[in-house]
């Protein structure tokens, strides 16, 4: 991703070895250089979630360094809610690897590492290791909360679907600074929403929601199937017209689509009233209403990405 923050031109190796020279520009630059595991579009938001969690800790006035066990439990919960579907989550990996990015500190007696170069989660849970921002980074963010929000906004734009940015910010406890934040450097097509909603005849593809106030549609949105943050294109074949509720469920992995466009509902999505049946179970295994033109139908490549990287199946 192109660096959207000017001024971060210092040598990366020097940035790692000069923590006491941390500036706003360097902090933001290091975020753009974050080493995040990537392969064929697979999601790996572990380090971004850890950094957002630490920013929330700072907003709540918690100590700079917290016991590994406390951070690991919180991070695991975030990975379950906002990470890709996995049978097992490994909070020890980002917590122990983030120091290489110049934005993290481990203090205490580190247990013996395994074959992957990282101590096991079990050993770390019984250790005296504490983790958190280095002192220079912590001091910078305390003195300049606007910089913290700029960094948080960059992480949100770069690694998460826009529809649940507010949920994630609220969950970790980050309070916005009253300063505009830069958006993602990759420009969005302003016509994407209009073209997607038109292709789906101004109705939700799942439930046919089309409520209007006069002639203005309310609560109908254009969802990316493969997220913009993971290079999903602003094309109708990568879009769905969804009401606000189904859009949120789609981005959180509560629902997805098979290649034949039948709706699948996660076993983890549940409710105890008629509304749940009406909005979800009544549509399970039924095809959505697709665009009339074949070239505008959801591309199976993007549907596969969503089922693998988002759907909580």
C-alpha atoms as a PDB file:
ATOM      1  CA  UNK A   1       0.000   0.000   0.000  1.00  0.00           C
ATOM      2  CA  UNK A   2       1.288   3.477  -0.888  1.00  0.00           C
ATOM      3  CA  UNK A   3       2.346   5.544   2.110  1.00  0.00           C
ATOM      4  CA  UNK A   4      -0.419   8.155   2.723  1.00  0.00           C
ATOM      5  CA  UNK A   5       1.589   9.949   5.424  1.00  0.00           C
ATOM      6  CA  UNK A   6       4.250  12.405   4.210  1.00  0.00           C
ATOM      7  CA  UNK A   7       7.503  12.818   6.024  1.00  0.00           C
ATOM      8  CA  UNK A   8       8.133   9.186   6.923  1.00  0.00           C
ATOM      9  CA  UNK A   9      11.264   8.801   4.870  1.00  0.00           C
ATOM     10  CA  UNK A  10      13.689   7.777   7.584  1.00  0.00           C
ATOM     11  CA  UNK A  11      15.606   4.514   7.309  1.00  0.00           C
ATOM     12  CA  UNK A  12      13.462   1.720   8.743  1.00  0.00           C
ATOM     13  CA  UNK A  13      16.363  -0.009  10.479  1.00  0.00           C
ATOM     14  CA  UNK A  14      17.318   3.250  12.162  1.00  0.00           C
ATOM     15  CA  UNK A  15      13.675   3.788  13.172  1.00  0.00           C
ATOM     16  CA  UNK A  16      13.756   0.503  15.032  1.00  0.00           C
ATOM     17  CA  UNK A  17      16.973   1.277  16.845  1.00  0.00           C
ATOM     18  CA  UNK A  18      16.186   4.895  17.757  1.00  0.00           C
ATOM     19  CA  UNK A  19      12.987   4.623  19.820  1.00  0.00           C
ATOM     20  CA  UNK A  20      13.737   7.848  21.705  1.00  0.00           C
ATOM     21  CA  UNK A  21      13.515   9.829  18.466  1.00  0.00           C
ATOM     22  CA  UNK A  22       9.879   8.853  17.825  1.00  0.00           C
ATOM     23  CA  UNK A  23       7.953  11.597  16.054  1.00  0.00           C
ATOM     24  CA  UNK A  24       4.421  11.777  14.739  1.00  0.00           C
ATOM     25  CA  UNK A  25       5.674  11.331  11.193  1.00  0.00           C
ATOM     26  CA  UNK A  26       7.785   8.305  12.094  1.00  0.00           C
ATOM     27  CA  UNK A  27       4.994   6.651  14.065  1.00  0.00           C
ATOM     28  CA  UNK A  28       2.574   6.981  11.152  1.00  0.00           C
ATOM     29  CA  UNK A  29       5.261   5.843   8.730  1.00  0.00           C
ATOM     30  CA  UNK A  30       5.928   2.709  10.780  1.00  0.00           C
ATOM     31  CA  UNK A  31       2.228   1.884  10.645  1.00  0.00           C
ATOM     32  CA  UNK A  32       2.356   1.940   6.857  1.00  0.00           C
ATOM     33  CA  UNK A  33       5.361  -0.428   6.992  1.00  0.00           C
ATOM     34  CA  UNK A  34       3.722  -2.888   9.353  1.00  0.00           C
ATOM     35  CA  UNK A  35       4.773  -6.444   8.504  1.00  0.00           C
ATOM     36  CA  UNK A  36       1.452  -8.228   8.146  1.00  0.00           C
ATOM     37  CA  UNK A  37       1.436 -11.796   6.891  1.00  0.00           C
ATOM     38  CA  UNK A  38      -0.197 -12.008   3.492  1.00  0.00           C
ATOM     39  CA  UNK A  39      -0.909 -14.764   1.001  1.00  0.00           C
ATOM     40  CA  UNK A  40      -3.393 -14.675  -1.881  1.00  0.00           C
ATOM     41  CA  UNK A  41      -5.717 -12.218  -0.170  1.00  0.00           C
ATOM     42  CA  UNK A  42      -5.957 -14.056   3.156  1.00  0.00           C
ATOM     43  CA  UNK A  43      -6.832 -11.849   6.116  1.00  0.00           C
ATOM     44  CA  UNK A  44      -4.327 -11.529   8.933  1.00  0.00           C
ATOM     45  CA  UNK A  45      -5.428  -8.530  11.031  1.00  0.00           C
ATOM     46  CA  UNK A  46      -3.687  -9.743  14.208  1.00  0.00           C
ATOM     47  CA  UNK A  47      -1.128  -6.929  14.532  1.00  0.00           C
ATOM     48  CA  UNK A  48      -3.608  -4.177  13.594  1.00  0.00           C
ATOM     49  CA  UNK A  49      -6.065  -5.497  16.197  1.00  0.00           C
ATOM     50  CA  UNK A  50      -3.319  -5.592  18.812  1.00  0.00           C
ATOM     51  CA  UNK A  51      -2.326  -1.993  18.091  1.00  0.00           C
ATOM     52  CA  UNK A  52      -5.946  -0.819  18.231  1.00  0.00           C
ATOM     53  CA  UNK A  53      -6.365  -2.656  21.523  1.00  0.00           C
ATOM     54  CA  UNK A  54      -3.288  -0.915  22.956  1.00  0.00           C
ATOM     55  CA  UNK A  55      -4.634   2.464  21.795  1.00  0.00           C
ATOM     56  CA  UNK A  56      -7.871   1.732  23.628  1.00  0.00           C
ATOM     57  CA  UNK A  57      -5.918   0.837  26.764  1.00  0.00           C
ATOM     58  CA  UNK A  58      -4.160   4.177  26.539  1.00  0.00           C
ATOM     59  CA  UNK A  59      -7.492   6.017  26.204  1.00  0.00           C
ATOM     60  CA  UNK A  60      -8.737   4.312  29.359  1.00  0.00           C
ATOM     61  CA  UNK A  61      -5.627   5.368  31.266  1.00  0.00           C
ATOM     62  CA  UNK A  62      -4.318   1.830  31.783  1.00  0.00           C
ATOM     63  CA  UNK A  63      -0.593   1.229  32.458  1.00  0.00           C
ATOM     64  CA  UNK A  64       1.725   1.337  29.462  1.00  0.00           C
ATOM     65  CA  UNK A  65       2.735  -2.301  29.979  1.00  0.00           C
ATOM     66  CA  UNK A  66       0.173  -4.960  30.900  1.00  0.00           C
ATOM     67  CA  UNK A  67       0.668  -8.653  31.697  1.00  0.00           C
ATOM     68  CA  UNK A  68       0.774 -10.875  28.652  1.00  0.00           C
ATOM     69  CA  UNK A  69      -2.146 -12.929  29.958  1.00  0.00           C
ATOM     70  CA  UNK A  70      -4.430  -9.860  30.100  1.00  0.00           C
ATOM     71  CA  UNK A  71      -3.581  -8.689  26.591  1.00  0.00           C
ATOM     72  CA  UNK A  72      -3.730 -12.179  25.129  1.00  0.00           C
ATOM     73  CA  UNK A  73      -7.247 -12.826  26.451  1.00  0.00           C
ATOM     74  CA  UNK A  74      -8.516  -9.493  25.102  1.00  0.00           C
ATOM     75  CA  UNK A  75      -6.803  -9.972  21.746  1.00  0.00           C
ATOM     76  CA  UNK A  76      -8.215 -13.472  21.362  1.00  0.00           C
ATOM     77  CA  UNK A  77     -11.723 -12.106  21.927  1.00  0.00           C
ATOM     78  CA  UNK A  78     -11.144  -9.468  19.239  1.00  0.00           C
ATOM     79  CA  UNK A  79      -9.822 -12.083  16.811  1.00  0.00           C
ATOM     80  CA  UNK A  80     -12.952 -14.161  17.325  1.00  0.00           C
ATOM     81  CA  UNK A  81     -15.216 -11.185  16.678  1.00  0.00           C
ATOM     82  CA  UNK A  82     -13.326  -9.259  14.008  1.00  0.00           C
ATOM     83  CA  UNK A  83     -10.745 -11.675  12.606  1.00  0.00           C
ATOM     84  CA  UNK A  84     -11.030 -14.361   9.924  1.00  0.00           C
ATOM     85  CA  UNK A  85     -12.810 -17.624  10.770  1.00  0.00           C
ATOM     86  CA  UNK A  86     -10.338 -19.951  12.475  1.00  0.00           C
ATOM     87  CA  UNK A  87     -10.687 -22.988  14.724  1.00  0.00           C
ATOM     88  CA  UNK A  88      -7.817 -21.802  16.920  1.00  0.00           C
ATOM     89  CA  UNK A  89      -6.420 -18.312  17.448  1.00  0.00           C
ATOM     90  CA  UNK A  90      -2.820 -17.593  18.430  1.00  0.00           C
ATOM     91  CA  UNK A  91      -2.487 -14.234  20.235  1.00  0.00           C
ATOM     92  CA  UNK A  92       1.131 -15.055  21.086  1.00  0.00           C
ATOM     93  CA  UNK A  93       2.155 -14.604  17.443  1.00  0.00           C
ATOM     94  CA  UNK A  94       1.386 -10.874  16.992  1.00  0.00           C
ATOM     95  CA  UNK A  95       2.281 -10.047  20.602  1.00  0.00           C
ATOM     96  CA  UNK A  96       5.755 -11.557  20.217  1.00  0.00           C
ATOM     97  CA  UNK A  97       6.418 -10.503  16.613  1.00  0.00           C
ATOM     98  CA  UNK A  98       5.265  -6.870  16.756  1.00  0.00           C
ATOM     99  CA  UNK A  99       8.501  -5.595  18.403  1.00  0.00           C
ATOM    100  CA  UNK A 100      10.265  -6.116  15.056  1.00  0.00           C
ATOM    101  CA  UNK A 101       8.056  -3.361  13.638  1.00  0.00           C
ATOM    102  CA  UNK A 102       9.392  -0.804  16.125  1.00  0.00           C
ATOM    103  CA  UNK A 103       5.994  -0.267  17.770  1.00  0.00           C
ATOM    104  CA  UNK A 104       5.940  -2.751  20.649  1.00  0.00           C
ATOM    105  CA  UNK A 105       7.818  -3.832  23.733  1.00  0.00           C
ATOM    106  CA  UNK A 106       8.147  -7.132  25.606  1.00  0.00           C
ATOM    107  CA  UNK A 107       9.516  -6.946  29.123  1.00  0.00           C
ATOM    108  CA  UNK A 108      10.296  -9.803  31.486  1.00  0.00           C
ATOM    109  CA  UNK A 109      11.754 -13.272  31.239  1.00  0.00           C
ATOM    110  CA  UNK A 110      10.710 -14.652  27.860  1.00  0.00           C
ATOM    111  CA  UNK A 111      10.075 -18.429  27.962  1.00  0.00           C
ATOM    112  CA  UNK A 112      11.882 -20.808  25.615  1.00  0.00           C
ATOM    113  CA  UNK A 113      10.813 -20.261  22.033  1.00  0.00           C
ATOM    114  CA  UNK A 114       9.438 -22.973  19.782  1.00  0.00           C
ATOM    115  CA  UNK A 115      10.380 -23.971  16.254  1.00  0.00           C
ATOM    116  CA  UNK A 116       8.598 -20.883  14.888  1.00  0.00           C
ATOM    117  CA  UNK A 117      10.706 -18.584  17.060  1.00  0.00           C
ATOM    118  CA  UNK A 118       7.852 -17.683  19.410  1.00  0.00           C
ATOM    119  CA  UNK A 119       7.155 -19.068  22.922  1.00  0.00           C
ATOM    120  CA  UNK A 120       3.941 -21.046  23.284  1.00  0.00           C
ATOM    121  CA  UNK A 121       0.808 -19.339  24.542  1.00  0.00           C
ATOM    122  CA  UNK A 122       0.700 -21.667  27.530  1.00  0.00           C
ATOM    123  CA  UNK A 123       4.229 -20.806  28.636  1.00  0.00           C
ATOM    124  CA  UNK A 124       3.593 -17.096  28.199  1.00  0.00           C
ATOM    125  CA  UNK A 125       0.401 -17.282  30.261  1.00  0.00           C
ATOM    126  CA  UNK A 126       2.476 -18.510  33.206  1.00  0.00           C
ATOM    127  CA  UNK A 127       5.308 -16.019  32.724  1.00  0.00           C
ATOM    128  CA  UNK A 128       6.008 -12.553  34.095  1.00  0.00           C
ATOM    129  CA  UNK A 129       6.130 -11.018  30.593  1.00  0.00           C
ATOM    130  CA  UNK A 130       4.466  -7.618  30.200  1.00  0.00           C
ATOM    131  CA  UNK A 131       3.684  -6.033  26.850  1.00  0.00           C
ATOM    132  CA  UNK A 132       2.705  -2.677  25.389  1.00  0.00           C
ATOM    133  CA  UNK A 133       3.858   0.375  23.471  1.00  0.00           C
ATOM    134  CA  UNK A 134       7.498   1.418  23.900  1.00  0.00           C
ATOM    135  CA  UNK A 135       7.863   4.420  26.186  1.00  0.00           C
ATOM    136  CA  UNK A 136       8.591   6.786  23.291  1.00  0.00           C
ATOM    137  CA  UNK A 137       5.470   5.706  21.375  1.00  0.00           C
ATOM    138  CA  UNK A 138       3.330   5.870  24.520  1.00  0.00           C
ATOM    139  CA  UNK A 139       4.562   9.371  25.349  1.00  0.00           C
ATOM    140  CA  UNK A 140       3.924  10.543  21.811  1.00  0.00           C
ATOM    141  CA  UNK A 141       0.326   9.282  21.760  1.00  0.00           C
ATOM    142  CA  UNK A 142      -0.440  10.677  25.220  1.00  0.00           C
ATOM    143  CA  UNK A 143       0.834  14.095  24.150  1.00  0.00           C
ATOM    144  CA  UNK A 144      -0.788  13.971  20.697  1.00  0.00           C
ATOM    145  CA  UNK A 145      -4.112  12.086  20.764  1.00  0.00           C
ATOM    146  CA  UNK A 146      -4.837  13.382  17.274  1.00  0.00           C
ATOM    147  CA  UNK A 147      -1.894  11.292  16.022  1.00  0.00           C
ATOM    148  CA  UNK A 148      -3.314   8.224  17.732  1.00  0.00           C
ATOM    149  CA  UNK A 149      -6.633   8.703  15.950  1.00  0.00           C
ATOM    150  CA  UNK A 150      -4.888   9.206  12.604  1.00  0.00           C
ATOM    151  CA  UNK A 151      -3.046   5.941  13.157  1.00  0.00           C
ATOM    152  CA  UNK A 152      -6.227   4.165  14.249  1.00  0.00           C
ATOM    153  CA  UNK A 153      -8.077   5.412  11.187  1.00  0.00           C
ATOM    154  CA  UNK A 154      -5.282   4.179   8.940  1.00  0.00           C
ATOM    155  CA  UNK A 155      -5.440   0.704  10.500  1.00  0.00           C
ATOM    156  CA  UNK A 156      -9.237   0.620  10.187  1.00  0.00           C
ATOM    157  CA  UNK A 157      -9.184   1.668   6.541  1.00  0.00           C
ATOM    158  CA  UNK A 158      -6.377  -0.715   5.650  1.00  0.00           C
ATOM    159  CA  UNK A 159      -7.525  -3.930   7.315  1.00  0.00           C
ATOM    160  CA  UNK A 160     -11.268  -3.847   8.085  1.00  0.00           C
ATOM    161  CA  UNK A 161     -14.614  -3.408   6.356  1.00  0.00           C
ATOM    162  CA  UNK A 162     -15.953   0.107   6.775  1.00  0.00           C
ATOM    163  CA  UNK A 163     -19.342  -1.069   8.009  1.00  0.00           C
ATOM    164  CA  UNK A 164     -17.992  -2.084  11.410  1.00  0.00           C
ATOM    165  CA  UNK A 165     -15.304   0.512  12.044  1.00  0.00           C
ATOM    166  CA  UNK A 166     -17.514   2.095  14.703  1.00  0.00           C
ATOM    167  CA  UNK A 167     -18.128  -1.271  16.378  1.00  0.00           C
ATOM    168  CA  UNK A 168     -14.410  -1.999  16.551  1.00  0.00           C
ATOM    169  CA  UNK A 169     -13.496   1.461  17.849  1.00  0.00           C
ATOM    170  CA  UNK A 170     -16.178   1.153  20.504  1.00  0.00           C
ATOM    171  CA  UNK A 171     -15.084  -2.357  21.476  1.00  0.00           C
ATOM    172  CA  UNK A 172     -11.452  -1.423  22.088  1.00  0.00           C
ATOM    173  CA  UNK A 173     -12.368   1.907  23.703  1.00  0.00           C
ATOM    174  CA  UNK A 174     -10.678   4.449  21.444  1.00  0.00           C
ATOM    175  CA  UNK A 175     -12.075   7.967  21.763  1.00  0.00           C
ATOM    176  CA  UNK A 176     -11.872  10.073  18.656  1.00  0.00           C
ATOM    177  CA  UNK A 177      -9.747  13.190  18.607  1.00  0.00           C
ATOM    178  CA  UNK A 178     -11.386  16.249  17.094  1.00  0.00           C
ATOM    179  CA  UNK A 179      -9.218  16.285  14.005  1.00  0.00           C
ATOM    180  CA  UNK A 180      -9.939  14.953  10.524  1.00  0.00           C
ATOM    181  CA  UNK A 181      -8.083  11.753   9.756  1.00  0.00           C
ATOM    182  CA  UNK A 182      -6.584  10.854   6.369  1.00  0.00           C
ATOM    183  CA  UNK A 183      -8.494   8.216   4.494  1.00  0.00           C
ATOM    184  CA  UNK A 184      -7.043   5.271   2.649  1.00  0.00           C
ATOM    185  CA  UNK A 185      -4.657   6.265  -0.140  1.00  0.00           C
ATOM    186  CA  UNK A 186      -6.478   4.029  -2.590  1.00  0.00           C
ATOM    187  CA  UNK A 187      -9.286   6.056  -4.182  1.00  0.00           C
ATOM    188  CA  UNK A 188     -12.810   4.698  -4.232  1.00  0.00           C
ATOM    189  CA  UNK A 189     -15.083   4.882  -7.244  1.00  0.00           C
ATOM    190  CA  UNK A 190     -17.800   7.391  -6.322  1.00  0.00           C
ATOM    191  CA  UNK A 191     -20.158   5.665  -8.766  1.00  0.00           C
ATOM    192  CA  UNK A 192     -19.867   2.240  -7.096  1.00  0.00           C
ATOM    193  CA  UNK A 193     -22.870   2.660  -4.799  1.00  0.00           C
ATOM    194  CA  UNK A 194     -25.112   4.056  -7.498  1.00  0.00           C
ATOM    195  CA  UNK A 195     -24.177   1.347 -10.028  1.00  0.00           C
ATOM    196  CA  UNK A 196     -24.626  -1.504  -7.536  1.00  0.00           C
ATOM    197  CA  UNK A 197     -27.985  -0.320  -6.243  1.00  0.00           C
ATOM    198  CA  UNK A 198     -29.207   0.247  -9.786  1.00  0.00           C
ATOM    199  CA  UNK A 199     -28.110  -3.268 -10.826  1.00  0.00           C
ATOM    200  CA  UNK A 200     -30.173  -4.721  -7.961  1.00  0.00           C
ATOM    201  CA  UNK A 201     -33.193  -2.586  -8.901  1.00  0.00           C
ATOM    202  CA  UNK A 202     -32.980  -0.444  -5.777  1.00  0.00           C
ATOM    203  CA  UNK A 203     -33.787  -3.309  -3.412  1.00  0.00           C
ATOM    204  CA  UNK A 204     -31.896  -5.441  -0.928  1.00  0.00           C
ATOM    205  CA  UNK A 205     -30.684  -8.586  -2.701  1.00  0.00           C
ATOM    206  CA  UNK A 206     -31.677 -10.709   0.311  1.00  0.00           C
ATOM    207  CA  UNK A 207     -34.969  -9.350   1.636  1.00  0.00           C
ATOM    208  CA  UNK A 208     -36.212  -6.903  -1.053  1.00  0.00           C
ATOM    209  CA  UNK A 209     -36.087  -3.989   1.420  1.00  0.00           C
ATOM    210  CA  UNK A 210     -36.781  -0.760  -0.510  1.00  0.00           C
ATOM    211  CA  UNK A 211     -38.205   1.729   1.979  1.00  0.00           C
ATOM    212  CA  UNK A 212     -38.161   5.349   0.835  1.00  0.00           C
ATOM    213  CA  UNK A 213     -38.878   8.722   2.346  1.00  0.00           C
ATOM    214  CA  UNK A 214     -40.462  10.504  -0.588  1.00  0.00           C
ATOM    215  CA  UNK A 215     -38.018   9.421  -3.321  1.00  0.00           C
ATOM    216  CA  UNK A 216     -35.003   8.918  -1.057  1.00  0.00           C
ATOM    217  CA  UNK A 217     -33.927   5.366  -0.240  1.00  0.00           C
ATOM    218  CA  UNK A 218     -33.268   4.808   3.456  1.00  0.00           C
ATOM    219  CA  UNK A 219     -30.851   2.181   4.746  1.00  0.00           C
ATOM    220  CA  UNK A 220     -29.909   0.568   1.433  1.00  0.00           C
ATOM    221  CA  UNK A 221     -26.164   0.207   0.926  1.00  0.00           C
ATOM    222  CA  UNK A 222     -23.627  -1.124  -1.558  1.00  0.00           C
ATOM    223  CA  UNK A 223     -21.508  -3.826   0.084  1.00  0.00           C
ATOM    224  CA  UNK A 224     -18.152  -5.018  -1.193  1.00  0.00           C
ATOM    225  CA  UNK A 225     -17.941  -8.810  -1.382  1.00  0.00           C
ATOM    226  CA  UNK A 226     -14.149  -8.787  -1.325  1.00  0.00           C
ATOM    227  CA  UNK A 227     -13.302  -5.858   0.909  1.00  0.00           C
ATOM    228  CA  UNK A 228     -11.817  -2.668  -0.438  1.00  0.00           C
ATOM    229  CA  UNK A 229      -9.069  -2.986   2.200  1.00  0.00           C
ATOM    230  CA  UNK A 230      -7.976  -6.260   0.545  1.00  0.00           C
ATOM    231  CA  UNK A 231      -7.949  -4.884  -3.004  1.00  0.00           C
ATOM    232  CA  UNK A 232     -11.549  -5.732  -3.811  1.00  0.00           C
ATOM    233  CA  UNK A 233     -12.439  -3.674  -6.910  1.00  0.00           C
ATOM    234  CA  UNK A 234     -15.195  -1.084  -7.100  1.00  0.00           C
ATOM    235  CA  UNK A 235     -17.075  -3.151  -9.679  1.00  0.00           C
ATOM    236  CA  UNK A 236     -20.685  -4.293  -9.659  1.00  0.00           C
ATOM    237  CA  UNK A 237     -19.550  -7.936  -9.846  1.00  0.00           C
ATOM    238  CA  UNK A 238     -17.877  -7.343  -6.466  1.00  0.00           C
ATOM    239  CA  UNK A 239     -20.925  -5.657  -5.002  1.00  0.00           C
ATOM    240  CA  UNK A 240     -24.271  -6.431  -3.415  1.00  0.00           C
ATOM    241  CA  UNK A 241     -27.168  -4.106  -2.684  1.00  0.00           C
ATOM    242  CA  UNK A 242     -28.022  -4.855   0.942  1.00  0.00           C
ATOM    243  CA  UNK A 243     -30.113  -3.251   3.637  1.00  0.00           C
ATOM    244  CA  UNK A 244     -28.153  -2.010   6.645  1.00  0.00           C
ATOM    245  CA  UNK A 245     -28.892  -5.132   8.696  1.00  0.00           C
ATOM    246  CA  UNK A 246     -27.859  -7.637   6.027  1.00  0.00           C
ATOM    247  CA  UNK A 247     -24.811  -5.528   5.143  1.00  0.00           C
ATOM    248  CA  UNK A 248     -23.595  -5.652   8.745  1.00  0.00           C
ATOM    249  CA  UNK A 249     -24.286  -9.407   8.952  1.00  0.00           C
ATOM    250  CA  UNK A 250     -22.434  -9.948   5.664  1.00  0.00           C
ATOM    251  CA  UNK A 251     -19.334  -8.003   6.720  1.00  0.00           C
ATOM    252  CA  UNK A 252     -19.204  -9.668  10.132  1.00  0.00           C
ATOM    253  CA  UNK A 253     -19.458 -13.129   8.584  1.00  0.00           C
ATOM    254  CA  UNK A 254     -22.955 -13.995   9.762  1.00  0.00           C
ATOM    255  CA  UNK A 255     -24.110 -14.681   6.207  1.00  0.00           C
ATOM    256  CA  UNK A 256     -22.452 -15.421   2.882  1.00  0.00           C
ATOM    257  CA  UNK A 257     -23.273 -16.728  -0.592  1.00  0.00           C
ATOM    258  CA  UNK A 258     -22.541 -19.939  -2.444  1.00  0.00           C
ATOM    259  CA  UNK A 259     -21.473 -19.711  -6.072  1.00  0.00           C
ATOM    260  CA  UNK A 260     -25.064 -20.365  -7.161  1.00  0.00           C
ATOM    261  CA  UNK A 261     -26.029 -17.332  -5.024  1.00  0.00           C
ATOM    262  CA  UNK A 262     -27.881 -19.296  -2.341  1.00  0.00           C
ATOM    263  CA  UNK A 263     -27.670 -17.638   1.064  1.00  0.00           C
ATOM    264  CA  UNK A 264     -25.786 -19.442   3.830  1.00  0.00           C
ATOM    265  CA  UNK A 265     -26.279 -18.516   7.487  1.00  0.00           C
ATOM    266  CA  UNK A 266     -23.613 -19.063  10.124  1.00  0.00           C
ATOM    267  CA  UNK A 267     -24.452 -21.405  12.989  1.00  0.00           C
ATOM    268  CA  UNK A 268     -23.045 -18.691  15.259  1.00  0.00           C
ATOM    269  CA  UNK A 269     -25.750 -16.229  14.166  1.00  0.00           C
ATOM    270  CA  UNK A 270     -28.754 -16.562  16.415  1.00  0.00           C
ATOM    271  CA  UNK A 271     -31.717 -14.815  17.982  1.00  0.00           C
ATOM    272  CA  UNK A 272     -34.729 -15.595  20.099  1.00  0.00           C
ATOM    273  CA  UNK A 273     -37.591 -13.863  18.368  1.00  0.00           C
ATOM    274  CA  UNK A 274     -39.568 -13.814  15.170  1.00  0.00           C
ATOM    275  CA  UNK A 275     -37.373 -11.100  13.690  1.00  0.00           C
ATOM    276  CA  UNK A 276     -34.410 -13.498  13.480  1.00  0.00           C
ATOM    277  CA  UNK A 277     -36.457 -15.985  11.468  1.00  0.00           C
ATOM    278  CA  UNK A 278     -37.871 -13.213   9.296  1.00  0.00           C
ATOM    279  CA  UNK A 279     -34.534 -11.593   8.484  1.00  0.00           C
ATOM    280  CA  UNK A 280     -32.280 -14.649   8.313  1.00  0.00           C
ATOM    281  CA  UNK A 281     -33.629 -18.186   8.653  1.00  0.00           C
ATOM    282  CA  UNK A 282     -36.464 -17.611   6.179  1.00  0.00           C
ATOM    283  CA  UNK A 283     -33.828 -16.763   3.539  1.00  0.00           C
ATOM    284  CA  UNK A 284     -31.387 -19.594   4.314  1.00  0.00           C
ATOM    285  CA  UNK A 285     -30.559 -21.838   1.323  1.00  0.00           C
ATOM    286  CA  UNK A 286     -32.596 -19.610  -0.976  1.00  0.00           C
ATOM    287  CA  UNK A 287     -31.021 -17.690  -3.865  1.00  0.00           C
ATOM    288  CA  UNK A 288     -30.748 -13.941  -3.610  1.00  0.00           C
ATOM    289  CA  UNK A 289     -32.286 -11.793  -6.291  1.00  0.00           C
ATOM    290  CA  UNK A 290     -29.415 -11.273  -8.727  1.00  0.00           C
ATOM    291  CA  UNK A 291     -28.935  -8.599 -11.399  1.00  0.00           C
ATOM    292  CA  UNK A 292     -30.607  -9.383 -14.700  1.00  0.00           C
ATOM    293  CA  UNK A 293     -27.392  -8.969 -16.670  1.00  0.00           C
ATOM    294  CA  UNK A 294     -25.032 -11.921 -16.254  1.00  0.00           C
ATOM    295  CA  UNK A 295     -21.897  -9.774 -16.311  1.00  0.00           C
ATOM    296  CA  UNK A 296     -23.116  -7.923 -13.221  1.00  0.00           C
ATOM    297  CA  UNK A 297     -23.725 -11.043 -11.122  1.00  0.00           C
ATOM    298  CA  UNK A 298     -21.369 -11.628  -8.167  1.00  0.00           C
ATOM    299  CA  UNK A 299     -18.058 -13.047  -9.356  1.00  0.00           C
ATOM    300  CA  UNK A 300     -17.352 -16.525  -7.876  1.00  0.00           C
ATOM    301  CA  UNK A 301     -13.759 -15.437  -7.138  1.00  0.00           C
ATOM    302  CA  UNK A 302     -14.980 -12.755  -4.758  1.00  0.00           C
ATOM    303  CA  UNK A 303     -17.603 -15.045  -3.226  1.00  0.00           C
ATOM    304  CA  UNK A 304     -14.896 -17.633  -2.531  1.00  0.00           C
ATOM    305  CA  UNK A 305     -12.773 -14.981  -0.805  1.00  0.00           C
ATOM    306  CA  UNK A 306     -15.688 -13.963   1.406  1.00  0.00           C
ATOM    307  CA  UNK A 307     -16.497 -17.547   2.399  1.00  0.00           C
ATOM    308  CA  UNK A 308     -12.856 -18.264   3.231  1.00  0.00           C
ATOM    309  CA  UNK A 309     -11.879 -14.992   4.893  1.00  0.00           C
ATOM    310  CA  UNK A 310     -15.055 -13.592   6.460  1.00  0.00           C
ATOM    311  CA  UNK A 311     -17.875 -16.115   6.820  1.00  0.00           C
ATOM    312  CA  UNK A 312     -18.076 -17.662  10.280  1.00  0.00           C
ATOM    313  CA  UNK A 313     -19.092 -21.093   8.974  1.00  0.00           C
END
